[in-house]
């Protein structure tokens, strides 16, 4: 087993958490915050918008089973990387599209993935995903962890996460656990 980590922000962390937990080779997913200037922020503080953090997921995966590039393929298919500081009705810099790379290889994979999306004009607008070095990650409060599985009947889960899970199931069936 070759363990690696990825930290990604693409809107609400509940959506990313649900999707990445479904993938073969993903060992652990933690919802939280990255990219800001406040040490150990809480959800309410991040939602007020002054911390600079993005809602993100920290993913521990087996690189022998699923590569970072495959993680990125899923990431780009389940959120809109051409939308500045928003995903659907979730608006603000905490919902930005961002890849917190851990080293040169991840940075190169991320830049290549964006370049390929741009090259094939995958979105009507340019891809605005930030690609920045990983600095720190702060787990969110316990009730945010594995939210989709714990709250399947919640309106947000049905209306927002459910469609993303269908995209995942249709487009990445071979990667599902």
N, C-alpha and C. Protein backbone atom coordinates (compact mmCIF):
# COMPACT_ATOMS: atom_id res chain seq x y z
N UNK A 1 0.84 -1.17 0.00
CA UNK A 1 0.00 0.00 0.00
C UNK A 1 0.89 1.24 0.00
N UNK A 2 0.59 2.15 -0.92
CA UNK A 2 1.32 3.41 -1.03
C UNK A 2 0.34 4.52 -0.63
N UNK A 3 0.44 4.98 0.60
CA UNK A 3 -0.50 5.98 1.08
C UNK A 3 -0.07 7.37 0.62
N UNK A 4 -1.08 8.15 0.21
CA UNK A 4 -0.86 9.53 -0.21
C UNK A 4 -2.03 10.35 0.28
N UNK A 5 -1.88 11.66 0.24
CA UNK A 5 -2.95 12.56 0.67
C UNK A 5 -3.25 13.56 -0.43
N UNK A 6 -4.50 13.97 -0.48
CA UNK A 6 -4.96 15.04 -1.36
C UNK A 6 -5.87 15.93 -0.53
N UNK A 7 -5.78 17.23 -0.75
CA UNK A 7 -6.67 18.17 -0.08
C UNK A 7 -7.30 19.05 -1.16
N UNK A 8 -8.63 18.99 -1.23
CA UNK A 8 -9.36 19.65 -2.31
C UNK A 8 -10.55 20.43 -1.78
N UNK A 9 -10.83 21.56 -2.39
CA UNK A 9 -12.01 22.35 -2.08
C UNK A 9 -12.80 22.56 -3.36
N UNK A 10 -14.09 22.27 -3.30
CA UNK A 10 -14.94 22.42 -4.48
C UNK A 10 -16.37 22.64 -4.08
N UNK A 11 -16.62 23.67 -3.30
CA UNK A 11 -17.97 23.91 -2.80
C UNK A 11 -18.12 23.30 -1.42
N UNK A 12 -19.31 22.92 -1.11
CA UNK A 12 -19.62 22.35 0.20
C UNK A 12 -18.84 21.05 0.42
N UNK A 13 -18.17 20.95 1.57
CA UNK A 13 -17.38 19.75 1.82
C UNK A 13 -18.23 18.51 1.98
N UNK A 14 -19.51 18.65 2.29
CA UNK A 14 -20.37 17.47 2.40
C UNK A 14 -20.44 16.73 1.07
N UNK A 15 -20.46 17.47 -0.04
CA UNK A 15 -20.54 16.86 -1.37
C UNK A 15 -19.26 16.08 -1.68
N UNK A 16 -18.13 16.72 -1.48
CA UNK A 16 -16.86 16.06 -1.76
C UNK A 16 -16.66 14.86 -0.86
N UNK A 17 -17.00 15.00 0.42
CA UNK A 17 -16.87 13.93 1.39
C UNK A 17 -17.62 12.69 0.91
N UNK A 18 -18.87 12.88 0.52
CA UNK A 18 -19.71 11.75 0.09
C UNK A 18 -19.12 11.07 -1.14
N UNK A 19 -18.68 11.84 -2.10
CA UNK A 19 -18.15 11.27 -3.34
C UNK A 19 -16.86 10.49 -3.09
N UNK A 20 -15.92 11.10 -2.41
CA UNK A 20 -14.63 10.44 -2.24
C UNK A 20 -14.69 9.24 -1.32
N UNK A 21 -15.61 9.21 -0.37
CA UNK A 21 -15.78 8.03 0.47
C UNK A 21 -16.23 6.82 -0.36
N UNK A 22 -16.80 7.07 -1.51
CA UNK A 22 -17.35 6.00 -2.36
C UNK A 22 -16.31 5.34 -3.26
N UNK A 23 -15.10 5.85 -3.27
CA UNK A 23 -14.10 5.37 -4.21
C UNK A 23 -13.22 4.27 -3.65
N UNK A 24 -12.95 3.29 -4.47
CA UNK A 24 -12.02 2.23 -4.11
C UNK A 24 -10.63 2.84 -3.96
N UNK A 25 -9.94 2.46 -2.93
CA UNK A 25 -8.60 2.97 -2.68
C UNK A 25 -8.55 4.16 -1.76
N UNK A 26 -9.71 4.76 -1.48
CA UNK A 26 -9.76 5.87 -0.54
C UNK A 26 -9.90 5.28 0.86
N UNK A 27 -8.96 5.60 1.71
CA UNK A 27 -8.91 5.03 3.05
C UNK A 27 -9.67 5.89 4.07
N UNK A 28 -9.60 7.21 3.90
CA UNK A 28 -10.21 8.11 4.87
C UNK A 28 -10.50 9.45 4.21
N UNK A 29 -11.61 10.06 4.59
CA UNK A 29 -11.96 11.41 4.15
C UNK A 29 -12.36 12.20 5.39
N UNK A 30 -11.78 13.39 5.52
CA UNK A 30 -12.10 14.28 6.63
C UNK A 30 -12.55 15.61 6.05
N UNK A 31 -13.72 16.08 6.46
CA UNK A 31 -14.20 17.40 6.05
C UNK A 31 -13.59 18.45 6.97
N UNK A 32 -13.21 19.58 6.37
CA UNK A 32 -12.63 20.64 7.18
C UNK A 32 -12.33 21.87 6.37
N UNK A 33 -11.26 22.56 6.75
CA UNK A 33 -10.94 23.86 6.18
C UNK A 33 -9.45 23.95 5.87
N UNK A 34 -9.12 24.60 4.76
CA UNK A 34 -7.73 24.78 4.38
C UNK A 34 -7.59 26.10 3.63
N UNK A 35 -6.38 26.62 3.64
CA UNK A 35 -6.08 27.79 2.83
C UNK A 35 -6.29 29.14 3.48
N UNK A 36 -6.54 29.17 4.77
CA UNK A 36 -6.80 30.44 5.43
C UNK A 36 -5.68 30.87 6.34
N UNK A 37 -5.95 31.95 7.07
CA UNK A 37 -4.93 32.53 7.94
C UNK A 37 -5.27 32.45 9.43
N UNK A 38 -6.38 31.82 9.78
CA UNK A 38 -6.77 31.67 11.18
C UNK A 38 -6.48 30.24 11.62
N UNK A 39 -5.81 30.09 12.74
CA UNK A 39 -5.48 28.76 13.25
C UNK A 39 -6.72 28.11 13.87
N UNK A 40 -7.00 26.90 13.47
CA UNK A 40 -8.11 26.09 14.00
C UNK A 40 -9.47 26.80 13.96
N UNK A 41 -9.91 27.21 12.79
CA UNK A 41 -11.21 27.89 12.70
C UNK A 41 -12.35 26.92 12.87
N UNK A 42 -13.49 27.43 13.29
CA UNK A 42 -14.72 26.65 13.37
C UNK A 42 -15.60 26.96 12.18
N UNK A 43 -16.62 26.15 11.99
CA UNK A 43 -17.53 26.30 10.85
C UNK A 43 -18.16 27.69 10.80
N UNK A 44 -18.71 28.15 11.90
CA UNK A 44 -19.38 29.46 11.91
C UNK A 44 -18.41 30.58 11.54
N UNK A 45 -17.20 30.50 12.02
CA UNK A 45 -16.19 31.51 11.71
C UNK A 45 -15.84 31.51 10.22
N UNK A 46 -15.67 30.33 9.64
CA UNK A 46 -15.36 30.22 8.22
C UNK A 46 -16.53 30.73 7.38
N UNK A 47 -17.76 30.42 7.79
CA UNK A 47 -18.94 30.84 7.02
C UNK A 47 -19.12 32.35 7.02
N UNK A 48 -18.60 33.03 8.01
CA UNK A 48 -18.67 34.51 8.01
C UNK A 48 -17.72 35.10 6.98
N UNK A 49 -16.78 34.30 6.46
CA UNK A 49 -15.95 34.70 5.34
C UNK A 49 -14.66 35.43 5.63
N UNK A 50 -14.29 35.64 6.88
CA UNK A 50 -13.09 36.41 7.16
C UNK A 50 -11.83 35.62 7.41
N UNK A 51 -11.88 34.29 7.36
CA UNK A 51 -10.71 33.49 7.71
C UNK A 51 -9.82 33.17 6.51
N UNK A 52 -10.36 33.30 5.30
CA UNK A 52 -9.62 32.93 4.10
C UNK A 52 -9.66 31.45 3.78
N UNK A 53 -10.29 30.66 4.63
CA UNK A 53 -10.34 29.21 4.41
C UNK A 53 -11.37 28.83 3.35
N UNK A 54 -11.11 27.71 2.71
CA UNK A 54 -12.09 27.06 1.85
C UNK A 54 -12.59 25.82 2.57
N UNK A 55 -13.86 25.52 2.38
CA UNK A 55 -14.33 24.20 2.82
C UNK A 55 -13.58 23.20 1.96
N UNK A 56 -13.03 22.18 2.57
CA UNK A 56 -12.18 21.23 1.85
C UNK A 56 -12.32 19.84 2.46
N UNK A 57 -11.81 18.88 1.73
CA UNK A 57 -11.68 17.52 2.27
C UNK A 57 -10.23 17.11 2.19
N UNK A 58 -9.80 16.40 3.22
CA UNK A 58 -8.47 15.82 3.29
C UNK A 58 -8.67 14.33 3.02
N UNK A 59 -8.05 13.83 1.99
CA UNK A 59 -8.28 12.47 1.52
C UNK A 59 -7.00 11.65 1.67
N UNK A 60 -7.10 10.55 2.39
CA UNK A 60 -6.01 9.59 2.48
C UNK A 60 -6.35 8.46 1.52
N UNK A 61 -5.44 8.18 0.58
CA UNK A 61 -5.74 7.16 -0.43
C UNK A 61 -4.53 6.29 -0.71
N UNK A 62 -4.81 5.13 -1.26
CA UNK A 62 -3.78 4.18 -1.66
C UNK A 62 -3.45 4.45 -3.12
N UNK A 63 -2.29 5.03 -3.35
CA UNK A 63 -1.87 5.43 -4.70
C UNK A 63 -1.65 4.23 -5.62
N UNK A 64 -1.56 3.05 -5.06
CA UNK A 64 -1.44 1.85 -5.89
C UNK A 64 -2.80 1.42 -6.44
N UNK A 65 -3.89 1.93 -5.84
CA UNK A 65 -5.25 1.58 -6.25
C UNK A 65 -5.90 2.71 -7.04
N UNK A 66 -5.74 3.93 -6.58
CA UNK A 66 -6.29 5.11 -7.25
C UNK A 66 -5.23 6.21 -7.21
N UNK A 67 -4.96 6.78 -8.35
CA UNK A 67 -3.91 7.80 -8.43
C UNK A 67 -4.46 9.19 -8.10
N UNK A 68 -3.56 10.10 -7.82
CA UNK A 68 -3.96 11.49 -7.60
C UNK A 68 -4.68 12.03 -8.83
N UNK A 69 -4.20 11.66 -10.00
CA UNK A 69 -4.83 12.13 -11.23
C UNK A 69 -6.27 11.61 -11.34
N UNK A 70 -6.51 10.37 -10.94
CA UNK A 70 -7.88 9.84 -10.95
C UNK A 70 -8.74 10.55 -9.91
N UNK A 71 -8.15 10.90 -8.77
CA UNK A 71 -8.86 11.69 -7.77
C UNK A 71 -9.28 13.03 -8.40
N UNK A 72 -8.37 13.65 -9.14
CA UNK A 72 -8.69 14.92 -9.80
C UNK A 72 -9.78 14.77 -10.85
N UNK A 73 -9.76 13.66 -11.60
CA UNK A 73 -10.82 13.43 -12.60
C UNK A 73 -12.19 13.42 -11.94
N UNK A 74 -12.29 12.75 -10.80
CA UNK A 74 -13.56 12.73 -10.06
C UNK A 74 -13.88 14.14 -9.56
N UNK A 75 -12.90 14.80 -8.97
CA UNK A 75 -13.07 16.15 -8.44
C UNK A 75 -13.68 17.09 -9.50
N UNK A 76 -13.09 17.08 -10.69
CA UNK A 76 -13.56 17.99 -11.73
C UNK A 76 -14.92 17.60 -12.30
N UNK A 77 -15.32 16.37 -12.10
CA UNK A 77 -16.63 15.94 -12.64
C UNK A 77 -17.79 16.23 -11.69
N UNK A 78 -17.50 16.48 -10.40
CA UNK A 78 -18.60 16.63 -9.44
C UNK A 78 -18.77 18.06 -8.92
N UNK A 79 -18.04 19.00 -9.49
CA UNK A 79 -18.25 20.41 -9.14
C UNK A 79 -17.94 21.26 -10.37
N UNK A 80 -18.29 22.53 -10.31
CA UNK A 80 -18.06 23.44 -11.42
C UNK A 80 -16.79 24.25 -11.17
N UNK A 81 -15.69 23.87 -11.81
CA UNK A 81 -14.43 24.57 -11.59
C UNK A 81 -14.33 25.91 -12.34
N UNK A 82 -15.40 26.28 -13.04
CA UNK A 82 -15.38 27.55 -13.77
C UNK A 82 -16.18 28.63 -13.04
N UNK A 83 -16.65 28.32 -11.87
CA UNK A 83 -17.48 29.25 -11.09
C UNK A 83 -16.64 29.86 -9.97
N UNK A 84 -16.56 31.18 -9.96
CA UNK A 84 -15.75 31.87 -8.96
C UNK A 84 -16.51 31.97 -7.63
N UNK A 85 -15.92 31.41 -6.58
CA UNK A 85 -16.44 31.54 -5.22
C UNK A 85 -17.90 31.13 -5.09
N UNK A 86 -18.28 30.06 -5.77
CA UNK A 86 -19.65 29.58 -5.61
C UNK A 86 -19.77 28.19 -6.23
N UNK A 87 -20.72 27.45 -5.66
CA UNK A 87 -21.18 26.19 -6.23
C UNK A 87 -22.68 26.20 -6.02
N UNK A 88 -23.44 26.39 -7.08
CA UNK A 88 -24.88 26.46 -6.95
C UNK A 88 -25.29 27.62 -6.06
N UNK A 89 -26.09 27.31 -5.03
CA UNK A 89 -26.55 28.34 -4.10
C UNK A 89 -25.55 28.64 -2.99
N UNK A 90 -24.46 27.88 -2.92
CA UNK A 90 -23.43 28.13 -1.92
C UNK A 90 -22.47 29.19 -2.47
N UNK A 91 -22.49 30.37 -1.86
CA UNK A 91 -21.74 31.51 -2.39
C UNK A 91 -20.77 32.05 -1.34
N UNK A 92 -19.56 32.36 -1.77
CA UNK A 92 -18.55 32.95 -0.91
C UNK A 92 -17.20 32.30 -1.16
N UNK A 93 -16.12 32.95 -0.75
CA UNK A 93 -14.78 32.40 -1.01
C UNK A 93 -14.53 31.05 -0.35
N UNK A 94 -15.31 30.72 0.67
CA UNK A 94 -15.15 29.42 1.32
C UNK A 94 -15.62 28.27 0.42
N UNK A 95 -16.31 28.59 -0.68
CA UNK A 95 -16.80 27.57 -1.61
C UNK A 95 -15.99 27.54 -2.90
N UNK A 96 -14.82 28.18 -2.91
CA UNK A 96 -14.02 28.24 -4.13
C UNK A 96 -13.49 26.86 -4.52
N UNK A 97 -13.14 26.76 -5.79
CA UNK A 97 -12.52 25.56 -6.32
C UNK A 97 -11.02 25.69 -6.14
N UNK A 98 -10.42 24.73 -5.40
CA UNK A 98 -9.00 24.85 -5.09
C UNK A 98 -8.38 23.47 -4.86
N UNK A 99 -7.16 23.35 -5.34
CA UNK A 99 -6.35 22.14 -5.12
C UNK A 99 -5.16 22.58 -4.27
N UNK A 100 -5.04 22.00 -3.09
CA UNK A 100 -3.92 22.27 -2.20
C UNK A 100 -2.88 21.16 -2.43
N UNK A 101 -1.97 21.42 -3.36
CA UNK A 101 -1.03 20.36 -3.75
C UNK A 101 0.04 20.12 -2.71
N UNK A 102 0.46 18.87 -2.66
CA UNK A 102 1.52 18.44 -1.75
C UNK A 102 2.72 18.04 -2.60
N UNK A 103 3.43 19.02 -3.10
CA UNK A 103 4.64 18.75 -3.85
C UNK A 103 4.49 18.91 -5.34
N UNK A 104 5.63 18.82 -5.99
CA UNK A 104 5.74 19.09 -7.42
C UNK A 104 4.90 18.15 -8.28
N UNK A 105 4.88 16.86 -7.96
CA UNK A 105 4.12 15.92 -8.77
C UNK A 105 2.63 16.24 -8.76
N UNK A 106 2.08 16.52 -7.57
CA UNK A 106 0.66 16.87 -7.49
C UNK A 106 0.40 18.20 -8.21
N UNK A 107 1.29 19.15 -8.06
CA UNK A 107 1.11 20.43 -8.75
C UNK A 107 1.09 20.23 -10.26
N UNK A 108 2.02 19.44 -10.78
CA UNK A 108 2.06 19.19 -12.22
C UNK A 108 0.81 18.46 -12.70
N UNK A 109 0.37 17.46 -11.94
CA UNK A 109 -0.87 16.75 -12.31
C UNK A 109 -2.06 17.70 -12.33
N UNK A 110 -2.14 18.58 -11.35
CA UNK A 110 -3.25 19.53 -11.27
C UNK A 110 -3.22 20.50 -12.45
N UNK A 111 -2.06 21.04 -12.75
CA UNK A 111 -1.95 21.98 -13.86
C UNK A 111 -2.26 21.30 -15.20
N UNK A 112 -1.81 20.07 -15.36
CA UNK A 112 -2.10 19.32 -16.57
C UNK A 112 -3.60 19.04 -16.69
N UNK A 113 -4.24 18.68 -15.60
CA UNK A 113 -5.68 18.42 -15.63
C UNK A 113 -6.46 19.67 -16.04
N UNK A 114 -6.09 20.81 -15.49
CA UNK A 114 -6.76 22.07 -15.85
C UNK A 114 -6.50 22.39 -17.32
N UNK A 115 -5.28 22.21 -17.75
CA UNK A 115 -4.93 22.48 -19.15
C UNK A 115 -5.74 21.60 -20.09
N UNK A 116 -5.93 20.35 -19.73
CA UNK A 116 -6.73 19.45 -20.57
C UNK A 116 -8.20 19.88 -20.60
N UNK A 117 -8.74 20.28 -19.46
CA UNK A 117 -10.12 20.78 -19.43
C UNK A 117 -10.26 22.01 -20.32
N UNK A 118 -9.31 22.92 -20.22
CA UNK A 118 -9.33 24.13 -21.04
C UNK A 118 -9.18 23.78 -22.53
N UNK A 119 -8.29 22.85 -22.82
CA UNK A 119 -8.04 22.46 -24.20
C UNK A 119 -9.25 21.87 -24.90
N UNK A 120 -10.04 21.13 -24.17
CA UNK A 120 -11.24 20.53 -24.78
C UNK A 120 -12.50 21.36 -24.52
N UNK A 121 -12.30 22.54 -23.95
CA UNK A 121 -13.42 23.46 -23.68
C UNK A 121 -14.54 22.74 -22.94
N UNK A 122 -14.15 22.10 -21.84
CA UNK A 122 -15.09 21.32 -21.04
C UNK A 122 -16.16 22.18 -20.39
N UNK A 123 -15.86 23.46 -20.20
CA UNK A 123 -16.80 24.39 -19.57
C UNK A 123 -16.92 25.63 -20.45
N UNK A 124 -18.07 26.28 -20.40
CA UNK A 124 -18.29 27.49 -21.20
C UNK A 124 -17.36 28.62 -20.76
N UNK A 125 -17.05 28.67 -19.48
CA UNK A 125 -16.17 29.70 -18.93
C UNK A 125 -14.83 29.08 -18.57
N UNK A 126 -13.79 29.90 -18.45
CA UNK A 126 -12.46 29.36 -18.08
C UNK A 126 -12.48 28.69 -16.70
N UNK A 127 -11.64 27.70 -16.55
CA UNK A 127 -11.47 27.03 -15.26
C UNK A 127 -10.73 28.00 -14.32
N UNK A 128 -11.31 28.21 -13.14
CA UNK A 128 -10.73 29.16 -12.17
C UNK A 128 -10.19 28.46 -10.93
N UNK A 129 -10.06 27.16 -10.99
CA UNK A 129 -9.54 26.40 -9.84
C UNK A 129 -8.16 26.91 -9.45
N UNK A 130 -8.02 27.26 -8.18
CA UNK A 130 -6.72 27.67 -7.66
C UNK A 130 -5.87 26.42 -7.45
N UNK A 131 -4.59 26.53 -7.72
CA UNK A 131 -3.64 25.46 -7.45
C UNK A 131 -2.56 26.08 -6.57
N UNK A 132 -2.61 25.73 -5.29
CA UNK A 132 -1.73 26.37 -4.31
C UNK A 132 -1.09 25.31 -3.42
N UNK A 133 0.06 25.62 -2.83
CA UNK A 133 0.70 24.66 -1.93
C UNK A 133 -0.14 24.39 -0.68
N UNK A 134 -0.15 23.15 -0.25
CA UNK A 134 -0.80 22.78 1.00
C UNK A 134 0.00 23.37 2.15
N UNK A 135 -0.72 23.96 3.10
CA UNK A 135 -0.05 24.48 4.29
C UNK A 135 -0.60 23.83 5.56
N UNK A 136 -1.91 23.78 5.67
CA UNK A 136 -2.50 23.17 6.86
C UNK A 136 -3.95 22.78 6.57
N UNK A 137 -4.44 21.91 7.40
CA UNK A 137 -5.83 21.46 7.29
C UNK A 137 -6.40 21.40 8.70
N UNK A 138 -7.63 21.88 8.85
CA UNK A 138 -8.29 21.90 10.15
C UNK A 138 -9.61 21.14 10.04
N UNK A 139 -9.74 20.00 10.70
CA UNK A 139 -10.99 19.24 10.62
C UNK A 139 -12.17 20.07 11.13
N UNK A 140 -13.30 19.89 10.47
CA UNK A 140 -14.55 20.53 10.91
C UNK A 140 -15.12 19.75 12.08
N UNK A 141 -16.10 20.34 12.71
CA UNK A 141 -16.77 19.71 13.83
C UNK A 141 -17.31 18.33 13.43
N UNK A 142 -17.48 17.47 14.41
CA UNK A 142 -17.87 16.07 14.18
C UNK A 142 -19.13 15.89 13.36
N UNK A 143 -20.13 16.74 13.53
CA UNK A 143 -21.39 16.53 12.81
C UNK A 143 -21.25 16.75 11.30
N UNK A 144 -20.13 17.33 10.85
CA UNK A 144 -19.89 17.52 9.41
C UNK A 144 -19.29 16.27 8.76
N UNK A 145 -18.75 15.37 9.55
CA UNK A 145 -18.06 14.20 9.01
C UNK A 145 -19.09 13.17 8.52
N UNK A 146 -18.89 12.69 7.30
CA UNK A 146 -19.77 11.69 6.68
C UNK A 146 -21.24 12.13 6.75
N UNK A 147 -21.46 13.39 6.49
CA UNK A 147 -22.78 14.01 6.63
C UNK A 147 -23.83 13.33 5.75
N UNK A 148 -23.47 13.02 4.53
CA UNK A 148 -24.44 12.44 3.59
C UNK A 148 -24.97 11.10 4.09
N UNK A 149 -24.08 10.25 4.55
CA UNK A 149 -24.50 8.94 5.05
C UNK A 149 -25.32 9.07 6.33
N UNK A 150 -25.01 10.06 7.15
CA UNK A 150 -25.72 10.26 8.41
C UNK A 150 -27.07 10.96 8.25
N UNK A 151 -27.26 11.66 7.12
CA UNK A 151 -28.47 12.48 6.92
C UNK A 151 -29.05 12.29 5.53
N UNK A 152 -29.28 11.07 5.07
CA UNK A 152 -29.70 10.86 3.67
C UNK A 152 -31.02 11.53 3.30
N UNK A 153 -31.89 11.76 4.27
CA UNK A 153 -33.18 12.38 3.97
C UNK A 153 -33.18 13.89 4.04
N UNK A 154 -32.09 14.49 4.48
CA UNK A 154 -32.02 15.95 4.58
C UNK A 154 -32.18 16.56 3.18
N UNK A 155 -32.92 17.66 3.08
CA UNK A 155 -33.13 18.29 1.77
C UNK A 155 -31.82 18.57 1.02
N UNK A 156 -30.79 19.08 1.68
CA UNK A 156 -29.53 19.36 0.99
C UNK A 156 -28.93 18.07 0.41
N UNK A 157 -29.04 17.00 1.15
CA UNK A 157 -28.50 15.72 0.68
C UNK A 157 -29.25 15.23 -0.56
N UNK A 158 -30.57 15.33 -0.52
CA UNK A 158 -31.38 14.87 -1.65
C UNK A 158 -31.21 15.76 -2.88
N UNK A 159 -31.22 17.08 -2.66
CA UNK A 159 -31.26 18.01 -3.78
C UNK A 159 -29.90 18.41 -4.34
N UNK A 160 -28.86 18.39 -3.52
CA UNK A 160 -27.55 18.84 -3.97
C UNK A 160 -26.56 17.68 -4.07
N UNK A 161 -26.43 16.91 -3.01
CA UNK A 161 -25.45 15.83 -3.02
C UNK A 161 -25.91 14.67 -3.88
N UNK A 162 -27.20 14.32 -3.83
CA UNK A 162 -27.73 13.20 -4.62
C UNK A 162 -27.38 13.29 -6.10
N UNK A 163 -27.61 14.42 -6.76
CA UNK A 163 -27.25 14.51 -8.18
C UNK A 163 -25.75 14.35 -8.42
N UNK A 164 -24.92 14.83 -7.52
CA UNK A 164 -23.48 14.66 -7.68
C UNK A 164 -23.10 13.18 -7.54
N UNK A 165 -23.78 12.48 -6.66
CA UNK A 165 -23.52 11.05 -6.50
C UNK A 165 -23.93 10.27 -7.75
N UNK A 166 -25.01 10.71 -8.40
CA UNK A 166 -25.42 10.06 -9.66
C UNK A 166 -24.37 10.29 -10.75
N UNK A 167 -23.82 11.50 -10.83
CA UNK A 167 -22.74 11.78 -11.78
C UNK A 167 -21.56 10.86 -11.50
N UNK A 168 -21.23 10.72 -10.25
CA UNK A 168 -20.13 9.85 -9.85
C UNK A 168 -20.41 8.40 -10.27
N UNK A 169 -21.61 7.93 -9.99
CA UNK A 169 -21.96 6.54 -10.31
C UNK A 169 -21.99 6.30 -11.82
N UNK A 170 -22.44 7.27 -12.57
CA UNK A 170 -22.51 7.11 -14.03
C UNK A 170 -21.16 7.27 -14.70
N UNK A 171 -20.36 8.25 -14.24
CA UNK A 171 -19.11 8.54 -14.92
C UNK A 171 -17.88 7.85 -14.38
N UNK A 172 -17.98 7.29 -13.19
CA UNK A 172 -16.79 6.70 -12.55
C UNK A 172 -17.10 5.35 -11.92
N UNK A 173 -18.01 4.64 -12.53
CA UNK A 173 -18.46 3.34 -12.00
C UNK A 173 -17.29 2.41 -11.70
N UNK A 174 -16.25 2.44 -12.54
CA UNK A 174 -15.11 1.54 -12.37
C UNK A 174 -14.22 1.90 -11.18
N UNK A 175 -14.47 3.06 -10.57
CA UNK A 175 -13.66 3.49 -9.42
C UNK A 175 -14.41 3.31 -8.09
N UNK A 176 -15.65 2.92 -8.14
CA UNK A 176 -16.45 2.82 -6.92
C UNK A 176 -16.06 1.59 -6.09
N UNK A 177 -16.11 1.77 -4.80
CA UNK A 177 -15.78 0.67 -3.88
C UNK A 177 -16.94 -0.31 -3.81
